[in-house]
Amino acid sequence: MPRRIALLFVLAVFAAAASAQQPISVFSRTVPLDPRDPAKREIGELEYRGGVALRSTDARFGGFSGLHVSSDGASVLVISDRGS
């Protein structure tokens, strides 16, 4: 019996790891510094370089600790606090 439980645990871990690697659809839109004045780029010494709002209908989306955009801008790698 303990061997069966251990096997089920190992299978569950592998299944969780496999599902965490499945891509999800994410939608983005640019975010201006000041929506009333989209051309505005500075506040004091701050030079606004740009902002992006991300959203997804997938429940695994969110809770980001880190985000890396490839140099060609074609892909994004995200680390989630949710473990997905």
Protein backbone atom coordinates (compact mmCIF):
# COMPACT_ATOMS: atom_id res chain seq x y z
CA MET A 1 0.00 0.00 0.00
CA PRO A 2 2.70 2.62 0.84
CA ARG A 3 4.38 1.79 -2.47
CA ARG A 4 1.13 2.52 -4.35
CA ILE A 5 0.74 5.85 -2.55
CA ALA A 6 4.34 6.79 -3.41
CA LEU A 7 3.73 5.88 -7.05
CA LEU A 8 0.56 8.00 -7.16
CA PHE A 9 2.46 10.91 -5.61
CA VAL A 10 5.24 10.66 -8.20
CA LEU A 11 2.69 10.50 -11.03
CA ALA A 12 0.88 13.53 -9.62
CA VAL A 13 4.14 15.50 -9.47
CA PHE A 14 4.96 14.62 -13.08
CA ALA A 15 1.43 15.51 -14.20
CA ALA A 16 1.63 18.88 -12.42
CA ALA A 17 5.03 19.61 -13.97
CA ALA A 18 3.74 18.71 -17.43
CA SER A 19 0.67 20.94 -17.13
CA ALA A 20 2.78 23.85 -15.88
CA GLN A 21 4.72 23.79 -19.14
CA GLN A 22 1.67 24.10 -21.37
CA PRO A 23 1.49 27.51 -23.07
CA ILE A 24 -1.46 29.80 -22.45
CA SER A 25 -2.92 32.63 -24.49
CA VAL A 26 -2.10 36.10 -23.18
CA PHE A 27 -3.42 39.37 -24.57
CA SER A 28 -1.62 42.68 -24.27
CA ARG A 29 -2.23 46.37 -24.77
CA THR A 30 0.05 49.36 -24.37
CA VAL A 31 -0.50 51.66 -21.40
CA PRO A 32 0.36 55.36 -21.67
CA LEU A 33 1.84 57.27 -18.75
CA ASP A 34 -1.14 59.64 -18.78
CA PRO A 35 -4.30 58.42 -20.57
CA ARG A 36 -5.46 62.06 -20.90
CA ASP A 37 -2.18 62.94 -22.68
CA PRO A 38 -0.76 59.81 -24.40
CA ALA A 39 2.17 61.80 -25.81
CA LYS A 40 3.44 62.63 -22.30
CA ARG A 41 6.72 60.82 -21.56
CA GLU A 42 8.14 62.49 -18.44
CA ILE A 43 7.22 63.24 -14.84
CA GLY A 44 9.99 65.17 -13.14
CA GLU A 45 13.20 63.22 -13.80
CA LEU A 46 11.29 60.04 -14.67
CA GLU A 47 11.36 59.18 -18.37
CA TYR A 48 8.51 56.78 -19.09
CA ARG A 49 9.73 54.07 -21.46
CA GLY A 50 6.37 52.32 -21.87
CA GLY A 51 3.89 50.08 -20.18
CA VAL A 52 1.98 46.96 -21.08
CA ALA A 53 -1.20 45.52 -19.58
CA LEU A 54 -1.41 41.73 -19.84
CA ARG A 55 -4.51 39.56 -19.40
CA SER A 56 -5.64 36.01 -20.01
CA THR A 57 -8.75 33.92 -19.53
CA ASP A 58 -6.56 31.05 -18.26
CA ALA A 59 -6.74 30.58 -14.46
CA ARG A 60 -2.97 29.89 -14.33
CA PHE A 61 -2.21 33.46 -15.43
CA GLY A 62 -0.93 36.01 -12.90
CA GLY A 63 1.18 36.34 -9.77
CA PHE A 64 4.41 37.12 -11.62
CA SER A 65 7.80 37.23 -9.91
CA GLY A 66 9.78 37.71 -13.07
CA LEU A 67 9.27 38.38 -16.74
CA HIS A 68 11.76 38.11 -19.61
CA VAL A 69 11.06 39.19 -23.20
CA SER A 70 13.23 37.64 -25.92
CA SER A 71 15.51 40.02 -27.81
CA ASP A 72 13.35 39.71 -30.93
CA GLY A 73 10.16 40.32 -28.92
CA ALA A 74 8.60 37.08 -30.18
CA SER A 75 8.30 35.31 -26.84
CA VAL A 76 7.94 35.96 -23.13
CA LEU A 77 9.09 33.74 -20.26
CA VAL A 78 7.26 34.35 -16.98
CA ILE A 79 7.83 32.96 -13.50
CA SER A 80 4.64 32.76 -11.47
CA ASP A 81 4.19 32.86 -7.69
CA ARG A 82 1.31 30.46 -8.20
CA GLY A 83 3.66 27.68 -9.29
CA SER A 84 2.21 27.35 -12.79
